[in-house]
Protein backbone atom coordinates (compact mmCIF):
# COMPACT_ATOMS: atom_id res chain seq x y z
CA SER A 1 9.08 7.89 14.95
CA TYR A 2 5.48 9.66 15.18
CA PRO A 3 4.94 13.34 13.67
CA SER A 4 4.91 15.92 16.43
CA SER A 5 0.97 16.75 16.00
CA SER A 6 -0.20 12.90 16.12
CA LEU A 7 0.78 13.50 20.02
CA ALA A 8 -0.76 16.98 20.25
CA ASP A 9 -4.25 15.68 18.55
CA PRO A 10 -4.36 11.96 20.14
CA ALA A 11 -8.29 12.34 19.05
CA ALA A 12 -7.53 12.93 15.35
CA LYS A 13 -9.19 9.97 13.17
CA CYS A 14 -6.61 7.86 10.96
CA ILE A 15 -6.55 4.72 8.76
CA VAL A 16 -4.50 2.20 8.86
CA PHE A 17 -3.43 0.01 5.41
CA SER A 18 -2.47 -3.03 5.05
CA SER A 19 -2.53 -5.79 1.94
CA TRP A 20 -3.24 -8.49 4.35
CA ASN A 21 -6.46 -9.28 5.51
CA LYS A 22 -4.79 -11.34 8.42
CA TYR A 23 -2.46 -8.74 9.20
CA LEU A 24 -5.21 -6.79 9.75
CA ASP A 25 -6.93 -9.26 12.20
CA LEU A 26 -4.11 -8.93 14.35
CA ILE A 27 -3.81 -5.40 14.51
CA LYS A 28 -7.22 -5.10 15.17
CA VAL A 29 -6.88 -7.40 18.26
CA ALA A 30 -3.86 -5.40 19.48
CA LEU A 31 -5.69 -1.85 19.14
CA LYS A 32 -8.79 -3.86 21.14
CA ASP A 33 -6.26 -4.90 23.87
CA SER A 34 -5.01 -1.20 24.50
CA ALA A 35 -8.46 -0.12 24.39
CA PHE A 36 -8.90 1.48 21.10
CA ILE A 37 -12.30 1.76 19.51
CA THR A 38 -11.87 0.51 15.55
CA ALA A 39 -13.99 -0.09 12.38
CA SER A 40 -13.19 -2.45 10.13
CA PHE A 41 -13.34 -2.32 6.09
CA TYR A 42 -12.26 -5.26 4.26
CA GLY A 43 -12.93 -9.03 4.25
CA VAL A 44 -16.66 -9.47 3.95
CA VAL A 45 -19.00 -7.14 2.86
CA ASP A 46 -21.76 -7.18 5.24
CA GLY A 47 -21.40 -4.26 7.76
CA ARG A 48 -19.06 -2.32 5.54
CA HIS A 49 -21.52 0.61 5.01
CA ASP A 50 -22.39 0.97 9.11
CA ALA A 51 -18.85 0.60 9.53
CA LEU A 52 -17.96 3.70 7.46
CA THR A 53 -20.85 5.53 9.16
CA ARG A 54 -19.42 4.78 12.41
CA PHE A 55 -15.93 5.67 11.49
CA GLN A 56 -17.05 8.98 10.06
CA SER A 57 -19.47 10.06 12.82
CA ASP A 58 -18.61 8.30 16.01
CA PRO A 59 -16.10 10.56 17.83
CA SER A 60 -15.00 7.55 20.32
CA CYS A 61 -14.09 5.68 17.38
CA ASN A 62 -11.19 7.29 15.32
CA ILE A 63 -9.33 3.93 13.62
CA LEU A 64 -10.45 2.35 10.53
CA LEU A 65 -8.55 -0.54 9.22
CA MET A 66 -8.57 -1.37 5.32
CA ASN A 67 -7.05 -3.51 2.72
CA CYS A 68 -5.03 -1.55 0.42
CA ARG A 69 -4.97 -3.87 -2.57
CA GLY A 70 -6.83 -3.06 -5.66
CA GLY A 71 -10.47 -4.22 -6.69
CA ALA A 72 -13.71 -3.93 -5.28
CA SER A 73 -12.84 -5.21 -1.97
CA SER A 74 -9.89 -2.31 -1.31
CA GLY A 75 -10.49 0.55 0.79
CA ALA A 76 -8.18 2.41 -1.99
CA ALA A 77 -10.92 2.96 -4.59
CA GLY A 78 -14.35 5.35 -4.73
CA LEU A 79 -14.21 6.40 -0.94
CA THR A 80 -14.00 9.74 0.39
CA LEU A 81 -12.92 9.69 4.22
CA THR A 82 -11.95 13.26 4.97
CA ALA A 83 -13.15 12.84 8.59
CA ALA A 84 -9.54 11.20 9.05
CA ASN A 85 -6.23 12.96 8.30
CA ARG A 86 -3.60 10.46 9.00
CA CYS A 87 -2.76 7.39 6.83
CA TYR A 88 -0.61 4.33 8.15
CA PHE A 89 0.74 2.29 5.82
CA MET A 90 1.87 -1.18 7.77
CA GLU A 91 4.05 -2.46 4.76
CA PRO A 92 5.51 -1.16 1.66
CA ARG A 93 3.56 -1.60 -1.84
CA PRO A 94 5.68 -2.04 -5.07
CA SER A 95 3.50 -0.03 -6.88
CA PRO A 96 3.21 3.74 -5.69
CA GLY A 97 -0.34 4.31 -7.48
CA ARG A 98 -2.12 2.27 -4.93
CA GLU A 99 -1.10 3.74 -2.09
CA ASP A 100 -1.00 7.42 -3.80
CA GLN A 101 -4.69 6.71 -4.44
CA ALA A 102 -5.39 5.16 -0.95
CA ILE A 103 -4.01 8.51 0.25
CA GLY A 104 -6.63 10.33 -2.08
CA ARG A 105 -9.17 9.18 0.04
CA ILE A 106 -8.32 11.62 2.98
CA ASN A 107 -6.36 14.51 1.00
CA ARG A 108 -9.24 15.38 -1.44
CA ILE A 109 -11.57 18.75 -1.18
CA GLY A 110 -13.36 18.56 2.04
CA GLN A 111 -10.36 18.03 3.83
CA ARG A 112 -9.36 20.64 6.72
CA LYS A 113 -6.37 19.48 8.23
CA THR A 114 -3.09 18.87 7.68
CA CYS A 115 -2.50 15.49 6.12
CA GLU A 116 0.16 13.19 7.46
CA ILE A 117 1.49 9.54 6.21
CA VAL A 118 3.38 6.96 8.18
CA ARG A 119 5.08 4.38 6.66
CA PHE A 120 6.39 1.49 8.33
CA ILE A 121 9.27 -0.64 7.01
CA VAL A 122 11.02 -3.59 8.37
CA GLU A 123 14.72 -3.01 8.45
CA GLY A 124 16.97 -5.46 7.08
CA THR A 125 14.07 -7.63 5.33
CA ILE A 126 12.78 -7.56 1.97
CA GLU A 127 10.47 -4.70 2.67
CA GLU A 128 13.54 -2.03 2.10
CA LYS A 129 13.86 -3.97 -1.34
CA ILE A 130 10.56 -3.12 -1.89
CA ALA A 131 10.35 0.19 -1.00
CA ALA A 132 13.64 0.69 -3.13
CA VAL A 133 11.34 -0.44 -6.10
CA GLN A 134 8.56 1.95 -5.57
CA GLN A 135 10.99 4.87 -5.03
CA LYS A 136 12.25 3.98 -8.66
CA LYS A 137 8.74 3.77 -9.86
CA ARG A 138 8.40 7.09 -8.69
CA GLN A 139 11.31 8.61 -10.41
CA ALA A 140 10.16 7.10 -13.68
CA GLU A 141 6.86 8.04 -13.54
CA ALA A 142 8.39 11.92 -12.41
CA THR A 143 10.54 11.85 -16.04
CA PHE A 144 8.13 10.37 -17.69
CA LYS A 145 5.40 12.91 -16.92
CA LEU A 146 8.21 15.49 -17.71
CA GLU A 147 9.10 14.37 -21.07
CA LYS A 148 5.57 13.90 -22.26
CA GLN A 149 4.86 17.96 -20.94
CA GLN A 150 7.79 18.61 -23.22
CA SER A 151 6.42 16.33 -26.11
CA THR A 152 9.44 14.45 -26.51
CA LYS A 153 9.65 10.80 -27.42
CA THR A 154 10.16 8.48 -24.20
CA GLY A 155 12.34 5.92 -26.29
CA GLY A 156 10.09 2.88 -25.34
CA ALA A 157 10.02 3.87 -21.83
CA LYS A 158 7.48 2.10 -19.71
CA ASP A 159 4.19 4.08 -19.56
CA THR A 160 2.47 5.01 -16.01
CA ALA A 161 -0.10 2.26 -16.82
CA ALA A 162 2.87 -0.26 -16.89
CA ALA A 163 4.54 0.93 -14.25
CA ASP A 164 1.83 0.02 -11.61
CA GLY A 165 2.92 -3.69 -11.99
CA LEU A 166 6.02 -5.31 -10.95
CA TYR A 167 8.58 -6.63 -13.76
CA SER A 168 9.97 -9.67 -13.72
CA GLU A 169 13.47 -7.94 -13.46
CA GLU A 170 11.93 -6.21 -10.35
CA VAL A 171 11.29 -9.31 -8.86
CA LEU A 172 14.58 -10.63 -9.12
CA GLU A 173 16.10 -7.67 -8.03
CA MET A 174 14.28 -7.75 -4.93
CA PHE A 175 15.59 -11.31 -4.32
CA ASP A 176 19.24 -10.67 -5.02
CA LEU A 177 18.80 -12.98 -8.08
CA ARG A 178 19.73 -13.15 -12.03
CA LEU A 179 18.03 -14.19 -14.92
CA GLU A 180 20.83 -16.98 -15.04
CA ASP A 181 20.02 -18.08 -11.31
CA MET A 182 16.33 -18.81 -11.98
CA GLU A 183 17.30 -20.69 -15.06
CA THR A 184 19.66 -22.85 -12.93
CA VAL A 185 17.00 -23.27 -10.97
CA ARG A 186 14.88 -24.32 -13.54
CA LEU A 187 17.34 -27.07 -14.55
CA ARG A 188 17.93 -28.76 -11.01
CA GLY A 189 14.20 -29.29 -10.64
CA THR A 190 13.77 -31.24 -13.71
CA GLY A 191 13.95 -35.03 -13.61
CA ALA A 192 13.89 -37.64 -16.48
CA GLY A 193 11.67 -36.87 -19.50
CA GLY A 194 11.60 -33.47 -18.38
CA ALA A 195 9.14 -33.63 -15.66
CA SER A 196 9.61 -31.04 -12.84
CA ALA A 197 10.94 -32.81 -9.81
CA LEU A 198 9.85 -29.99 -7.60
């Protein structure tokens, strides 16, 4: 469901985030077919400055497509985009820090509107498990910060930098696997002489 203000302000500018460029390509085609004017900030570097300028200044261009992965090619780092006040995340990411960084592009000094965040999660798919991992990371980070404020030892708890990645047990959990299961798969995939049959 959409926030009520989405209908009240159809001219609001928004950013559509995904981790997959091909998915963004498909979204761009669908939006074009529905007569939406978009700007793209992903893929090839050429034209990105023009795309941002158009999004920021052209009232008819109210959708910006971005890749939210880390790195120099991402839209999550180093940009201020307070012309937008709405974010759409097309799939969950295991790292909540990446999402928070992307949201920070619009929710910062200079923003005069209420910011809205919409997350899409496909029911009955692995996306539900990724979202669960993300929530656990948020809870762990909140606990870490609280313990740090109280100047108590965390007893080997994962720090915030490590929590931005994926631990092997978290990957196994997403696929309903155990470490013993992975060992069985490895043994079944090994032929004579120890060479992998896969």
